[in-house]
Structure formats: structure tokens, C-alpha cells
Amino acid sequence: MNGEFLGFIGWLLQMFGYLIFARAMTSWFPDARRHPIVQLLYQITDPVMIPASRIIPRIGMIDLSPMIVLLTVFFISRKFMEASAGF
């Protein structure tokens, strides 16, 4: 694959990771869910976060799925960036 394409995919994954982080931060503000931007944020991240929340168990009131998904997305993003640098 082309190095620029791999770099672009890595960048997209990194941006998606930042969206997941923003989603986790909005969970601290329950009234924020009514805001249109936050609703868009949930629509973008739900396809990944809902299955992850079903698979990864909660620890009491703490949902670890955003952290685990975030680490996984950033790891994959870094691998794409490293692969793109090799070209």
C-alpha cells in the first residue's frame, strides 16, 4: 500500500481516538447529551463503543470500555503511522 494512504488511515484513527476521549469526558456532564454536537459525537462513536461496552464488563460504576478502545485505536494508529514512514 501507498505510504501516504497508510498515514491518512493512521491520522483518521487518531482523530477517532480523540472523539472517543471527548465522548468519555461528556459522560461527566449529564446535561451535555442534549447538545447537538454531543449527539453527533455519540452517533459517530456508537458503532464502536456500544459493542465494546457489551464485551468489556464494568467495574462497579466505572466503564472501562472507552479507555480500552482508546488505547487500542491509538496503538493501531501508531502502527499505521510507522508503516507509512517506512515507504
C-alpha atoms as a PDB file:
ATOM      1  CA  MET A   1       0.000   0.000   0.000  1.00  0.00           C
ATOM      2  CA  ASN A   2       0.984   3.578  -0.515  1.00  0.00           C
ATOM      3  CA  GLY A   3       2.695   5.248   2.457  1.00  0.00           C
ATOM      4  CA  GLU A   4       0.519   8.352   2.219  1.00  0.00           C
ATOM      5  CA  PHE A   5      -2.639   6.242   2.355  1.00  0.00           C
ATOM      6  CA  LEU A   6      -1.416   4.397   5.444  1.00  0.00           C
ATOM      7  CA  GLY A   7      -0.532   7.700   7.070  1.00  0.00           C
ATOM      8  CA  PHE A   8      -4.002   9.052   6.287  1.00  0.00           C
ATOM      9  CA  ILE A   9      -5.659   5.971   7.807  1.00  0.00           C
ATOM     10  CA  GLY A  10      -3.459   6.384  10.880  1.00  0.00           C
ATOM     11  CA  TRP A  11      -4.475  10.045  11.138  1.00  0.00           C
ATOM     12  CA  LEU A  12      -8.180   9.140  10.826  1.00  0.00           C
ATOM     13  CA  LEU A  13      -7.832   6.567  13.599  1.00  0.00           C
ATOM     14  CA  GLN A  14      -6.077   9.132  15.768  1.00  0.00           C
ATOM     15  CA  MET A  15      -8.916  11.627  15.222  1.00  0.00           C
ATOM     16  CA  PHE A  16     -11.415   8.884  16.077  1.00  0.00           C
ATOM     17  CA  GLY A  17      -9.481   8.276  19.291  1.00  0.00           C
ATOM     18  CA  TYR A  18      -9.834  11.943  20.200  1.00  0.00           C
ATOM     19  CA  LEU A  19     -13.582  11.681  19.577  1.00  0.00           C
ATOM     20  CA  ILE A  20     -13.769   8.724  21.952  1.00  0.00           C
ATOM     21  CA  PHE A  21     -11.869  10.756  24.551  1.00  0.00           C
ATOM     22  CA  ALA A  22     -14.303  13.645  24.107  1.00  0.00           C
ATOM     23  CA  ARG A  23     -17.202  11.224  24.497  1.00  0.00           C
ATOM     24  CA  ALA A  24     -15.745   9.928  27.760  1.00  0.00           C
ATOM     25  CA  MET A  25     -15.371  13.488  29.041  1.00  0.00           C
ATOM     26  CA  THR A  26     -19.006  14.322  28.223  1.00  0.00           C
ATOM     27  CA  SER A  27     -20.139  11.472  30.450  1.00  0.00           C
ATOM     28  CA  TRP A  28     -19.194  13.680  33.413  1.00  0.00           C
ATOM     29  CA  PHE A  29     -21.799  16.244  32.335  1.00  0.00           C
ATOM     30  CA  PRO A  30     -25.205  14.527  32.026  1.00  0.00           C
ATOM     31  CA  ASP A  31     -26.944  17.635  30.656  1.00  0.00           C
ATOM     32  CA  ALA A  32     -24.487  17.792  27.759  1.00  0.00           C
ATOM     33  CA  ARG A  33     -26.165  14.851  25.988  1.00  0.00           C
ATOM     34  CA  ARG A  34     -28.905  17.152  24.761  1.00  0.00           C
ATOM     35  CA  HIS A  35     -26.474  19.363  22.863  1.00  0.00           C
ATOM     36  CA  PRO A  36     -26.456  18.698  19.072  1.00  0.00           C
ATOM     37  CA  ILE A  37     -22.661  18.445  18.878  1.00  0.00           C
ATOM     38  CA  VAL A  38     -22.587  15.855  21.661  1.00  0.00           C
ATOM     39  CA  GLN A  39     -25.370  13.915  19.940  1.00  0.00           C
ATOM     40  CA  LEU A  40     -23.284  13.907  16.741  1.00  0.00           C
ATOM     41  CA  LEU A  41     -20.293  12.738  18.763  1.00  0.00           C
ATOM     42  CA  TYR A  42     -22.321   9.804  20.097  1.00  0.00           C
ATOM     43  CA  GLN A  43     -23.592   8.943  16.605  1.00  0.00           C
ATOM     44  CA  ILE A  44     -20.029   8.803  15.296  1.00  0.00           C
ATOM     45  CA  THR A  45     -18.596   6.738  18.156  1.00  0.00           C
ATOM     46  CA  ASP A  46     -21.575   4.457  18.943  1.00  0.00           C
ATOM     47  CA  PRO A  47     -20.740   1.815  16.289  1.00  0.00           C
ATOM     48  CA  VAL A  48     -17.537   1.033  18.193  1.00  0.00           C
ATOM     49  CA  MET A  49     -18.466   1.921  21.751  1.00  0.00           C
ATOM     50  CA  ILE A  50     -21.746   0.001  22.079  1.00  0.00           C
ATOM     51  CA  PRO A  51     -20.223  -3.412  21.182  1.00  0.00           C
ATOM     52  CA  ALA A  52     -17.178  -2.652  23.351  1.00  0.00           C
ATOM     53  CA  SER A  53     -19.424  -1.797  26.304  1.00  0.00           C
ATOM     54  CA  ARG A  54     -21.201  -5.127  25.912  1.00  0.00           C
ATOM     55  CA  ILE A  55     -17.949  -7.106  25.813  1.00  0.00           C
ATOM     56  CA  ILE A  56     -15.928  -5.280  28.475  1.00  0.00           C
ATOM     57  CA  PRO A  57     -17.534  -5.565  31.928  1.00  0.00           C
ATOM     58  CA  ARG A  58     -17.968  -2.579  34.211  1.00  0.00           C
ATOM     59  CA  ILE A  59     -16.121  -2.354  37.488  1.00  0.00           C
ATOM     60  CA  GLY A  60     -18.793  -1.038  39.818  1.00  0.00           C
ATOM     61  CA  MET A  61     -19.892   2.289  38.348  1.00  0.00           C
ATOM     62  CA  ILE A  62     -16.775   2.640  36.174  1.00  0.00           C
ATOM     63  CA  ASP A  63     -16.985   1.772  32.490  1.00  0.00           C
ATOM     64  CA  LEU A  64     -13.513   0.856  31.271  1.00  0.00           C
ATOM     65  CA  SER A  65     -14.534   0.302  27.651  1.00  0.00           C
ATOM     66  CA  PRO A  66     -13.672   3.864  26.461  1.00  0.00           C
ATOM     67  CA  MET A  67     -10.161   3.556  27.892  1.00  0.00           C
ATOM     68  CA  ILE A  68      -9.562   0.138  26.357  1.00  0.00           C
ATOM     69  CA  VAL A  69     -10.964   1.198  22.966  1.00  0.00           C
ATOM     70  CA  LEU A  70      -8.909   4.395  23.112  1.00  0.00           C
ATOM     71  CA  LEU A  71      -5.681   2.522  23.814  1.00  0.00           C
ATOM     72  CA  THR A  72      -6.440   0.037  21.037  1.00  0.00           C
ATOM     73  CA  VAL A  73      -7.255   2.750  18.491  1.00  0.00           C
ATOM     74  CA  PHE A  74      -4.109   4.724  19.330  1.00  0.00           C
ATOM     75  CA  PHE A  75      -1.988   1.567  19.133  1.00  0.00           C
ATOM     76  CA  ILE A  76      -3.365   0.692  15.694  1.00  0.00           C
ATOM     77  CA  SER A  77      -2.985   4.309  14.587  1.00  0.00           C
ATOM     78  CA  ARG A  78       0.659   4.321  15.614  1.00  0.00           C
ATOM     79  CA  LYS A  79       1.292   1.099  13.683  1.00  0.00           C
ATOM     80  CA  PHE A  80      -0.216   2.668  10.548  1.00  0.00           C
ATOM     81  CA  MET A  81       1.917   5.786  11.026  1.00  0.00           C
ATOM     82  CA  GLU A  82       5.062   3.684  11.468  1.00  0.00           C
ATOM     83  CA  ALA A  83       4.204   1.669   8.372  1.00  0.00           C
ATOM     84  CA  SER A  84       3.692   4.853   6.380  1.00  0.00           C
ATOM     85  CA  ALA A  85       7.106   6.172   7.460  1.00  0.00           C
ATOM     86  CA  GLY A  86       8.759   3.048   6.039  1.00  0.00           C
ATOM     87  CA  PHE A  87       7.786   3.971   2.471  1.00  0.00           C
END
